[in-house]
Amino acid sequence: MTGCARTGYHTASGFSPAVLAPAGVLAGERGLDWPVEGKVAAVFGDRAGDLPLKGIRIDPLPDAGIVASAGGRAVFVHPDFGGYGKTVILEHAGGAATVYSGNFEILVSLGQEVRRGEVIARFGREGGNARRFYFELRENGKAVDPLNHLKKRKKLSKSESREQGFLNHV
């Protein structure tokens, strides 16, 4: 996340990502879980104003649950992180971190350990305006394309894709 990289974040004291799993989340074949179902509206490297996007934007359904893509610990929880809105950053084993922004409600607290698939936030509409959810993956502090590490989605037929508004990445 450009703002995250520029501003930085502080981790909870005494946290060692190595205690969460024997190997890094990016090293395994399992892949990261999608944080939410929805249409991918912008991909890594797309222009966001003057800067390239360091993650992906997803258009989820209203009130969708945002889940942890892998087990980890909440090392940053902020109610209004610049233009990113309500933001959670999870740190994972092996130097990986995932960023979840544009949330309506945050359901975890700083230092809380979470499991893969656990609901950590809720997407919604703030003041009647639709917001986009933003997901970023960092490896040793460097943004990497999350689509290369997220589990492959089921290939939808054209009619299913139109109905659900999903853009497939298989």
N, C-alpha and C. Protein backbone atom coordinates (compact mmCIF):
# COMPACT_ATOMS: atom_id res chain seq x y z
N MET A 1 0.86 -1.16 0.00
CA MET A 1 0.00 0.00 0.00
C MET A 1 0.90 1.22 0.00
N THR A 2 0.66 2.08 -0.88
CA THR A 2 1.51 3.25 -0.99
C THR A 2 1.53 4.03 0.32
N GLY A 3 0.37 4.27 0.91
CA GLY A 3 0.31 4.99 2.18
C GLY A 3 0.99 4.22 3.30
N CYS A 4 0.81 2.91 3.31
CA CYS A 4 1.43 2.07 4.33
C CYS A 4 2.94 2.13 4.21
N ALA A 5 3.43 2.07 2.99
CA ALA A 5 4.88 2.11 2.77
C ALA A 5 5.43 3.47 3.16
N ARG A 6 4.68 4.51 2.85
CA ARG A 6 5.14 5.86 3.13
C ARG A 6 5.06 6.17 4.63
N THR A 7 3.97 5.75 5.27
CA THR A 7 3.74 6.06 6.66
C THR A 7 4.37 5.04 7.59
N GLY A 8 4.38 3.79 7.18
CA GLY A 8 4.88 2.71 8.03
C GLY A 8 3.84 2.32 9.06
N TYR A 9 4.09 1.25 9.77
CA TYR A 9 3.22 0.83 10.85
C TYR A 9 4.07 0.15 11.90
N HIS A 10 3.56 0.12 13.11
CA HIS A 10 4.29 -0.47 14.22
C HIS A 10 3.65 -1.79 14.60
N THR A 11 4.48 -2.77 14.90
CA THR A 11 3.98 -4.08 15.28
C THR A 11 3.74 -4.15 16.78
N ALA A 12 2.90 -5.09 17.18
CA ALA A 12 2.65 -5.31 18.60
C ALA A 12 3.94 -5.80 19.25
N SER A 13 4.20 -5.38 20.45
CA SER A 13 5.46 -5.74 21.09
C SER A 13 5.51 -7.23 21.41
N GLY A 14 6.71 -7.79 21.29
CA GLY A 14 6.92 -9.19 21.65
C GLY A 14 6.42 -10.19 20.63
N PHE A 15 6.00 -9.77 19.48
CA PHE A 15 5.44 -10.67 18.48
C PHE A 15 6.53 -11.24 17.60
N SER A 16 6.51 -12.53 17.44
CA SER A 16 7.44 -13.20 16.54
C SER A 16 6.63 -14.00 15.54
N PRO A 17 6.60 -13.60 14.26
CA PRO A 17 5.80 -14.32 13.27
C PRO A 17 6.14 -15.80 13.20
N ALA A 18 7.35 -16.19 13.56
CA ALA A 18 7.76 -17.58 13.46
C ALA A 18 6.94 -18.50 14.35
N VAL A 19 6.32 -17.97 15.40
CA VAL A 19 5.55 -18.83 16.29
C VAL A 19 4.20 -19.21 15.69
N LEU A 20 3.78 -18.56 14.64
CA LEU A 20 2.46 -18.81 14.07
C LEU A 20 2.44 -20.01 13.13
N ALA A 21 3.52 -20.25 12.44
CA ALA A 21 3.56 -21.37 11.49
C ALA A 21 5.02 -21.69 11.21
N PRO A 22 5.32 -22.95 10.88
CA PRO A 22 6.71 -23.32 10.63
C PRO A 22 7.28 -22.73 9.35
N ALA A 23 6.45 -22.40 8.39
CA ALA A 23 6.94 -21.85 7.12
C ALA A 23 6.15 -20.60 6.79
N GLY A 24 6.69 -19.76 5.94
CA GLY A 24 6.00 -18.55 5.54
C GLY A 24 4.76 -18.85 4.73
N VAL A 25 3.80 -17.93 4.76
CA VAL A 25 2.54 -18.13 4.05
C VAL A 25 2.74 -18.15 2.54
N LEU A 26 3.78 -17.52 2.05
CA LEU A 26 4.01 -17.48 0.61
C LEU A 26 4.77 -18.70 0.12
N ALA A 27 5.39 -19.44 1.03
CA ALA A 27 6.21 -20.59 0.64
C ALA A 27 5.37 -21.83 0.36
N GLY A 28 4.20 -21.93 0.97
CA GLY A 28 3.38 -23.13 0.82
C GLY A 28 2.65 -23.19 -0.51
N GLU A 29 2.22 -24.39 -0.85
CA GLU A 29 1.46 -24.60 -2.10
C GLU A 29 -0.01 -24.25 -1.90
N ARG A 30 -0.46 -24.13 -0.68
CA ARG A 30 -1.88 -23.96 -0.38
C ARG A 30 -2.43 -22.65 -0.92
N GLY A 31 -1.66 -21.60 -0.92
CA GLY A 31 -2.14 -20.31 -1.39
C GLY A 31 -2.92 -19.58 -0.33
N LEU A 32 -3.07 -18.29 -0.53
CA LEU A 32 -3.84 -17.45 0.39
C LEU A 32 -5.32 -17.53 0.04
N ASP A 33 -6.16 -17.49 1.07
CA ASP A 33 -7.60 -17.41 0.84
C ASP A 33 -7.95 -16.02 0.33
N TRP A 34 -8.98 -15.94 -0.51
CA TRP A 34 -9.48 -14.63 -0.93
C TRP A 34 -10.08 -13.96 0.30
N PRO A 35 -9.79 -12.68 0.52
CA PRO A 35 -10.33 -12.01 1.71
C PRO A 35 -11.84 -11.78 1.63
N VAL A 36 -12.37 -11.73 0.41
CA VAL A 36 -13.80 -11.51 0.21
C VAL A 36 -14.13 -11.88 -1.24
N GLU A 37 -15.35 -12.33 -1.46
CA GLU A 37 -15.80 -12.58 -2.83
C GLU A 37 -16.25 -11.26 -3.45
N GLY A 38 -16.03 -11.12 -4.73
CA GLY A 38 -16.45 -9.91 -5.42
C GLY A 38 -15.68 -9.73 -6.70
N LYS A 39 -16.07 -8.74 -7.44
CA LYS A 39 -15.42 -8.43 -8.71
C LYS A 39 -14.09 -7.72 -8.45
N VAL A 40 -13.03 -8.18 -9.10
CA VAL A 40 -11.75 -7.49 -9.02
C VAL A 40 -11.85 -6.26 -9.91
N ALA A 41 -11.81 -5.09 -9.29
CA ALA A 41 -12.03 -3.83 -10.01
C ALA A 41 -10.73 -3.20 -10.50
N ALA A 42 -9.62 -3.50 -9.84
CA ALA A 42 -8.31 -2.97 -10.24
C ALA A 42 -7.24 -3.94 -9.76
N VAL A 43 -6.21 -4.09 -10.55
CA VAL A 43 -5.16 -5.06 -10.24
C VAL A 43 -3.83 -4.36 -9.92
N PHE A 44 -2.92 -5.12 -9.36
CA PHE A 44 -1.58 -4.66 -9.01
C PHE A 44 -0.95 -3.97 -10.22
N GLY A 45 -0.44 -2.76 -10.00
CA GLY A 45 0.22 -2.03 -11.07
C GLY A 45 -0.67 -1.06 -11.82
N ASP A 46 -2.01 -1.21 -11.72
CA ASP A 46 -2.91 -0.22 -12.33
C ASP A 46 -2.61 1.14 -11.72
N ARG A 47 -2.90 2.19 -12.46
CA ARG A 47 -2.66 3.54 -11.95
C ARG A 47 -3.76 3.94 -10.98
N ALA A 48 -3.35 4.46 -9.85
CA ALA A 48 -4.27 5.03 -8.86
C ALA A 48 -3.83 6.48 -8.68
N GLY A 49 -4.35 7.35 -9.51
CA GLY A 49 -3.84 8.72 -9.54
C GLY A 49 -2.48 8.73 -10.21
N ASP A 50 -1.50 9.26 -9.52
CA ASP A 50 -0.14 9.33 -10.08
C ASP A 50 0.70 8.11 -9.76
N LEU A 51 0.20 7.23 -8.89
CA LEU A 51 1.01 6.11 -8.42
C LEU A 51 0.44 4.77 -8.87
N PRO A 52 1.31 3.77 -9.07
CA PRO A 52 0.80 2.44 -9.39
C PRO A 52 0.19 1.79 -8.14
N LEU A 53 -0.87 1.04 -8.34
CA LEU A 53 -1.55 0.34 -7.26
C LEU A 53 -0.65 -0.76 -6.73
N LYS A 54 -0.52 -0.87 -5.42
CA LYS A 54 0.35 -1.86 -4.78
C LYS A 54 -0.42 -3.08 -4.29
N GLY A 55 -1.68 -3.18 -4.69
CA GLY A 55 -2.53 -4.30 -4.29
C GLY A 55 -3.65 -4.44 -5.29
N ILE A 56 -4.78 -4.99 -4.85
CA ILE A 56 -5.96 -5.13 -5.72
C ILE A 56 -7.16 -4.48 -5.05
N ARG A 57 -8.09 -4.01 -5.87
CA ARG A 57 -9.36 -3.49 -5.38
C ARG A 57 -10.45 -4.47 -5.76
N ILE A 58 -11.31 -4.75 -4.80
CA ILE A 58 -12.40 -5.71 -5.00
C ILE A 58 -13.70 -5.01 -4.67
N ASP A 59 -14.74 -5.26 -5.47
CA ASP A 59 -16.08 -4.74 -5.20
C ASP A 59 -16.91 -5.86 -4.58
N PRO A 60 -16.93 -5.96 -3.24
CA PRO A 60 -17.73 -7.01 -2.59
C PRO A 60 -19.20 -6.62 -2.51
N LEU A 61 -20.02 -7.58 -2.15
CA LEU A 61 -21.42 -7.29 -1.86
C LEU A 61 -21.50 -6.53 -0.54
N PRO A 62 -22.53 -5.69 -0.36
CA PRO A 62 -22.68 -4.99 0.92
C PRO A 62 -22.76 -5.98 2.08
N ASP A 63 -22.20 -5.60 3.20
CA ASP A 63 -22.21 -6.40 4.43
C ASP A 63 -21.43 -7.70 4.33
N ALA A 64 -20.57 -7.83 3.34
CA ALA A 64 -19.75 -9.04 3.21
C ALA A 64 -18.74 -9.10 4.34
N GLY A 65 -18.46 -10.32 4.80
CA GLY A 65 -17.43 -10.53 5.80
C GLY A 65 -16.06 -10.55 5.14
N ILE A 66 -15.10 -9.87 5.73
CA ILE A 66 -13.72 -9.86 5.25
C ILE A 66 -12.96 -10.87 6.11
N VAL A 67 -12.30 -11.85 5.48
CA VAL A 67 -11.62 -12.90 6.23
C VAL A 67 -10.11 -12.79 6.11
N ALA A 68 -9.42 -13.32 7.12
CA ALA A 68 -7.96 -13.39 7.10
C ALA A 68 -7.54 -14.37 6.01
N SER A 69 -6.66 -13.93 5.13
CA SER A 69 -6.19 -14.78 4.03
C SER A 69 -5.28 -15.89 4.53
N ALA A 70 -4.70 -15.70 5.70
CA ALA A 70 -3.84 -16.70 6.35
C ALA A 70 -3.82 -16.36 7.84
N GLY A 71 -3.41 -17.32 8.65
CA GLY A 71 -3.29 -17.07 10.07
C GLY A 71 -2.22 -16.03 10.35
N GLY A 72 -2.42 -15.25 11.40
CA GLY A 72 -1.44 -14.22 11.74
C GLY A 72 -1.87 -13.43 12.94
N ARG A 73 -1.29 -12.26 13.07
CA ARG A 73 -1.59 -11.38 14.20
C ARG A 73 -1.84 -9.96 13.68
N ALA A 74 -2.86 -9.32 14.26
CA ALA A 74 -3.17 -7.94 13.90
C ALA A 74 -2.10 -7.02 14.49
N VAL A 75 -1.30 -6.42 13.61
CA VAL A 75 -0.22 -5.55 14.05
C VAL A 75 -0.53 -4.07 13.80
N PHE A 76 -1.63 -3.81 13.10
CA PHE A 76 -2.04 -2.43 12.83
C PHE A 76 -3.55 -2.44 12.67
N VAL A 77 -4.23 -1.63 13.45
CA VAL A 77 -5.68 -1.47 13.37
C VAL A 77 -5.94 0.03 13.46
N HIS A 78 -6.57 0.59 12.42
CA HIS A 78 -6.76 2.05 12.41
C HIS A 78 -8.16 2.38 11.90
N PRO A 79 -8.88 3.29 12.59
CA PRO A 79 -10.24 3.63 12.19
C PRO A 79 -10.33 4.51 10.95
N ASP A 80 -9.24 5.18 10.56
CA ASP A 80 -9.28 6.03 9.37
C ASP A 80 -7.86 6.29 8.90
N PHE A 81 -7.29 5.34 8.17
CA PHE A 81 -5.90 5.41 7.74
C PHE A 81 -5.82 6.17 6.42
N GLY A 82 -5.75 7.50 6.53
CA GLY A 82 -5.66 8.34 5.33
C GLY A 82 -6.82 8.07 4.40
N GLY A 83 -6.55 7.99 3.12
CA GLY A 83 -7.58 7.73 2.13
C GLY A 83 -8.01 6.28 2.06
N TYR A 84 -7.42 5.43 2.89
CA TYR A 84 -7.73 4.00 2.85
C TYR A 84 -8.87 3.62 3.77
N GLY A 85 -9.30 4.50 4.65
CA GLY A 85 -10.39 4.19 5.55
C GLY A 85 -9.97 3.23 6.65
N LYS A 86 -10.93 2.49 7.16
CA LYS A 86 -10.68 1.55 8.26
C LYS A 86 -9.78 0.42 7.76
N THR A 87 -8.63 0.26 8.41
CA THR A 87 -7.59 -0.63 7.92
C THR A 87 -7.10 -1.59 8.99
N VAL A 88 -6.86 -2.83 8.56
CA VAL A 88 -6.24 -3.87 9.40
C VAL A 88 -5.03 -4.40 8.65
N ILE A 89 -3.91 -4.55 9.36
CA ILE A 89 -2.74 -5.22 8.79
C ILE A 89 -2.44 -6.43 9.65
N LEU A 90 -2.36 -7.59 8.99
CA LEU A 90 -1.98 -8.83 9.67
C LEU A 90 -0.56 -9.19 9.28
N GLU A 91 0.21 -9.60 10.27
CA GLU A 91 1.56 -10.07 10.01
C GLU A 91 1.53 -11.59 10.10
N HIS A 92 2.24 -12.24 9.17
CA HIS A 92 2.23 -13.70 9.07
C HIS A 92 3.66 -14.23 9.18
N ALA A 93 3.77 -15.53 9.30
CA ALA A 93 5.08 -16.18 9.37
C ALA A 93 5.87 -15.90 8.10
N GLY A 94 7.18 -15.90 8.22
CA GLY A 94 8.04 -15.78 7.05
C GLY A 94 8.17 -14.38 6.48
N GLY A 95 7.75 -13.35 7.22
CA GLY A 95 7.92 -11.99 6.74
C GLY A 95 6.82 -11.46 5.86
N ALA A 96 5.69 -12.14 5.79
CA ALA A 96 4.57 -11.68 4.96
C ALA A 96 3.60 -10.86 5.81
N ALA A 97 2.93 -9.92 5.17
CA ALA A 97 1.88 -9.12 5.80
C ALA A 97 0.77 -8.91 4.79
N THR A 98 -0.47 -8.88 5.27
CA THR A 98 -1.61 -8.60 4.40
C THR A 98 -2.32 -7.36 4.94
N VAL A 99 -2.79 -6.52 4.00
CA VAL A 99 -3.44 -5.26 4.33
C VAL A 99 -4.88 -5.33 3.84
N TYR A 100 -5.82 -4.98 4.71
CA TYR A 100 -7.25 -5.02 4.42
C TYR A 100 -7.81 -3.62 4.69
N SER A 101 -8.19 -2.88 3.64
CA SER A 101 -8.64 -1.49 3.80
C SER A 101 -9.99 -1.26 3.14
N GLY A 102 -10.63 -0.17 3.56
CA GLY A 102 -11.94 0.18 3.02
C GLY A 102 -13.06 -0.56 3.73
N ASN A 103 -12.80 -0.99 4.96
CA ASN A 103 -13.79 -1.73 5.74
C ASN A 103 -14.82 -0.79 6.34
N PHE A 104 -16.00 -1.31 6.59
CA PHE A 104 -17.04 -0.55 7.27
C PHE A 104 -16.90 -0.72 8.78
N GLU A 105 -16.53 -1.94 9.20
CA GLU A 105 -16.41 -2.24 10.62
C GLU A 105 -15.22 -3.17 10.83
N ILE A 106 -14.38 -2.87 11.80
CA ILE A 106 -13.25 -3.72 12.15
C ILE A 106 -13.65 -4.60 13.32
N LEU A 107 -13.37 -5.91 13.22
CA LEU A 107 -13.80 -6.87 14.24
C LEU A 107 -12.64 -7.46 15.04
N VAL A 108 -11.42 -6.99 14.82
CA VAL A 108 -10.26 -7.49 15.58
C VAL A 108 -9.60 -6.32 16.30
N SER A 109 -8.78 -6.66 17.27
CA SER A 109 -8.05 -5.61 17.99
C SER A 109 -6.55 -5.83 17.84
N LEU A 110 -5.80 -4.79 18.09
CA LEU A 110 -4.35 -4.83 17.97
C LEU A 110 -3.78 -5.96 18.82
N GLY A 111 -2.91 -6.77 18.22
CA GLY A 111 -2.27 -7.87 18.92
C GLY A 111 -3.04 -9.18 18.88
N GLN A 112 -4.27 -9.14 18.40
CA GLN A 112 -5.09 -10.36 18.37
C GLN A 112 -4.58 -11.33 17.32
N GLU A 113 -4.46 -12.61 17.70
CA GLU A 113 -4.11 -13.65 16.75
C GLU A 113 -5.38 -14.11 16.05
N VAL A 114 -5.28 -14.34 14.75
CA VAL A 114 -6.43 -14.79 13.97
C VAL A 114 -6.05 -16.02 13.16
N ARG A 115 -7.06 -16.81 12.85
CA ARG A 115 -6.88 -18.01 12.03
C ARG A 115 -7.25 -17.71 10.58
N ARG A 116 -6.69 -18.49 9.68
CA ARG A 116 -7.08 -18.42 8.27
C ARG A 116 -8.59 -18.56 8.17
N GLY A 117 -9.22 -17.66 7.41
CA GLY A 117 -10.66 -17.73 7.20
C GLY A 117 -11.50 -17.06 8.27
N GLU A 118 -10.89 -16.58 9.34
CA GLU A 118 -11.64 -15.91 10.41
C GLU A 118 -12.08 -14.52 9.93
N VAL A 119 -13.32 -14.16 10.22
CA VAL A 119 -13.84 -12.85 9.83
C VAL A 119 -13.16 -11.78 10.70
N ILE A 120 -12.47 -10.84 10.05
CA ILE A 120 -11.73 -9.80 10.77
C ILE A 120 -12.36 -8.42 10.60
N ALA A 121 -13.23 -8.28 9.61
CA ALA A 121 -13.87 -6.99 9.34
C ALA A 121 -15.13 -7.23 8.53
N ARG A 122 -15.90 -6.17 8.38
CA ARG A 122 -17.13 -6.25 7.58
C ARG A 122 -17.10 -5.10 6.58
N PHE A 123 -17.44 -5.43 5.35
CA PHE A 123 -17.54 -4.43 4.31
C PHE A 123 -18.94 -3.85 4.37
N GLY A 124 -19.12 -2.61 3.99
CA GLY A 124 -20.44 -2.00 3.99
C GLY A 124 -20.44 -0.71 3.23
N ARG A 125 -21.53 -0.04 3.32
CA ARG A 125 -21.66 1.26 2.66
C ARG A 125 -21.68 2.33 3.75
N GLU A 126 -20.80 3.28 3.62
CA GLU A 126 -20.70 4.35 4.60
C GLU A 126 -21.41 5.58 4.06
N GLY A 127 -22.45 6.00 4.74
CA GLY A 127 -23.19 7.19 4.30
C GLY A 127 -23.87 7.00 2.96
N GLY A 128 -24.20 5.75 2.61
CA GLY A 128 -24.87 5.46 1.36
C GLY A 128 -23.94 5.38 0.17
N ASN A 129 -22.66 5.65 0.36
CA ASN A 129 -21.70 5.59 -0.74
C ASN A 129 -21.04 4.22 -0.80
N ALA A 130 -20.97 3.67 -2.00
CA ALA A 130 -20.28 2.39 -2.17
C ALA A 130 -18.79 2.63 -2.02
N ARG A 131 -18.11 1.74 -1.34
CA ARG A 131 -16.66 1.82 -1.20
C ARG A 131 -16.08 0.56 -1.80
N ARG A 132 -14.84 0.67 -2.20
CA ARG A 132 -14.13 -0.50 -2.70
C ARG A 132 -13.23 -1.03 -1.60
N PHE A 133 -13.12 -2.33 -1.57
CA PHE A 133 -12.22 -2.98 -0.63
C PHE A 133 -10.84 -3.08 -1.27
N TYR A 134 -9.81 -2.84 -0.48
CA TYR A 134 -8.43 -2.87 -0.97
C TYR A 134 -7.66 -3.95 -0.22
N PHE A 135 -6.94 -4.79 -0.97
CA PHE A 135 -6.14 -5.88 -0.38
C PHE A 135 -4.73 -5.79 -0.92
N GLU A 136 -3.79 -5.86 -0.01
CA GLU A 136 -2.38 -5.78 -0.39
C GLU A 136 -1.61 -6.89 0.30
N LEU A 137 -0.59 -7.39 -0.38
CA LEU A 137 0.29 -8.42 0.16
C LEU A 137 1.70 -7.89 0.13
N ARG A 138 2.38 -8.01 1.26
CA ARG A 138 3.78 -7.58 1.34
C ARG A 138 4.64 -8.76 1.78
N GLU A 139 5.80 -8.88 1.15
CA GLU A 139 6.77 -9.90 1.52
C GLU A 139 8.05 -9.18 1.92
N ASN A 140 8.41 -9.33 3.20
CA ASN A 140 9.58 -8.63 3.74
C ASN A 140 9.54 -7.13 3.43
N GLY A 141 8.35 -6.54 3.59
CA GLY A 141 8.17 -5.10 3.42
C GLY A 141 7.93 -4.63 2.00
N LYS A 142 8.04 -5.52 1.02
CA LYS A 142 7.87 -5.13 -0.38
C LYS A 142 6.52 -5.64 -0.90
N ALA A 143 5.77 -4.74 -1.55
CA ALA A 143 4.48 -5.13 -2.13
C ALA A 143 4.70 -6.12 -3.27
N VAL A 144 3.91 -7.20 -3.26
CA VAL A 144 3.94 -8.20 -4.33
C VAL A 144 2.51 -8.38 -4.84
N ASP A 145 2.37 -8.85 -6.06
CA ASP A 145 1.05 -9.02 -6.67
C ASP A 145 0.28 -10.12 -5.93
N PRO A 146 -0.81 -9.78 -5.24
CA PRO A 146 -1.56 -10.80 -4.50
C PRO A 146 -2.19 -11.85 -5.40
N LEU A 147 -2.50 -11.50 -6.65
CA LEU A 147 -3.14 -12.48 -7.53
C LEU A 147 -2.23 -13.67 -7.81
N ASN A 148 -0.92 -13.50 -7.64
CA ASN A 148 0.01 -14.62 -7.82
C ASN A 148 0.04 -15.55 -6.62
N HIS A 149 -0.60 -15.16 -5.51
CA HIS A 149 -0.54 -15.95 -4.28
C HIS A 149 -1.91 -16.36 -3.76
N LEU A 150 -2.98 -15.76 -4.28
CA LEU A 150 -4.33 -16.14 -3.86
C LEU A 150 -4.73 -17.44 -4.53
N LYS A 151 -5.53 -18.24 -3.82
CA LYS A 151 -6.03 -19.49 -4.40
C LYS A 151 -6.78 -19.18 -5.69
N LYS A 152 -6.71 -20.09 -6.62
CA LYS A 152 -7.45 -19.92 -7.88
C LYS A 152 -8.93 -20.06 -7.60
N ARG A 153 -9.71 -19.20 -8.24
CA ARG A 153 -11.17 -19.27 -8.11
C ARG A 153 -11.73 -20.28 -9.09
N LYS A 154 -12.90 -20.79 -8.73
CA LYS A 154 -13.63 -21.67 -9.64
C LYS A 154 -13.96 -20.88 -10.90
N LYS A 155 -13.74 -21.48 -12.05
CA LYS A 155 -14.07 -20.83 -13.33
C LYS A 155 -15.58 -20.77 -13.46
N LEU A 156 -16.11 -19.57 -13.63
CA LEU A 156 -17.55 -19.37 -13.77
C LEU A 156 -17.93 -19.31 -15.24
N SER A 157 -19.15 -19.76 -15.53
CA SER A 157 -19.67 -19.59 -16.88
C SER A 157 -19.90 -18.10 -17.10
N LYS A 158 -20.10 -17.69 -18.37
CA LYS A 158 -20.34 -16.28 -18.66
C LYS A 158 -21.58 -15.76 -17.94
N SER A 159 -22.64 -16.58 -17.90
CA SER A 159 -23.87 -16.12 -17.24
C SER A 159 -23.67 -16.03 -15.73
N GLU A 160 -22.96 -17.00 -15.13
CA GLU A 160 -22.67 -16.93 -13.70
C GLU A 160 -21.81 -15.71 -13.39
N SER A 161 -20.84 -15.46 -14.25
CA SER A 161 -19.93 -14.34 -14.06
C SER A 161 -20.70 -13.02 -14.10
N ARG A 162 -21.61 -12.89 -15.07
CA ARG A 162 -22.42 -11.66 -15.17
C ARG A 162 -23.33 -11.52 -13.95
N GLU A 163 -23.97 -12.64 -13.53
CA GLU A 163 -24.87 -12.61 -12.39
C GLU A 163 -24.14 -12.19 -11.12
N GLN A 164 -22.97 -12.77 -10.90
CA GLN A 164 -22.25 -12.53 -9.66
C GLN A 164 -21.32 -11.33 -9.75
N GLY A 165 -21.05 -10.86 -10.97
CA GLY A 165 -20.18 -9.71 -11.13
C GLY A 165 -18.73 -10.00 -10.83
N PHE A 166 -18.32 -11.27 -10.95
CA PHE A 166 -16.95 -11.64 -10.63
C PHE A 166 -16.09 -11.61 -11.87
N LEU A 167 -14.87 -11.25 -11.69
CA LEU A 167 -13.86 -11.33 -12.73
C LEU A 167 -12.96 -12.49 -12.33
N ASN A 168 -12.86 -13.51 -13.14
CA ASN A 168 -12.10 -14.70 -12.77
C ASN A 168 -10.61 -14.54 -13.01
N HIS A 169 -9.84 -15.07 -12.11
CA HIS A 169 -8.38 -15.13 -12.25
C HIS A 169 -7.98 -16.57 -12.02
N VAL A 170 -7.94 -17.35 -13.09
CA VAL A 170 -7.56 -18.77 -12.98
C VAL A 170 -6.38 -19.06 -13.85
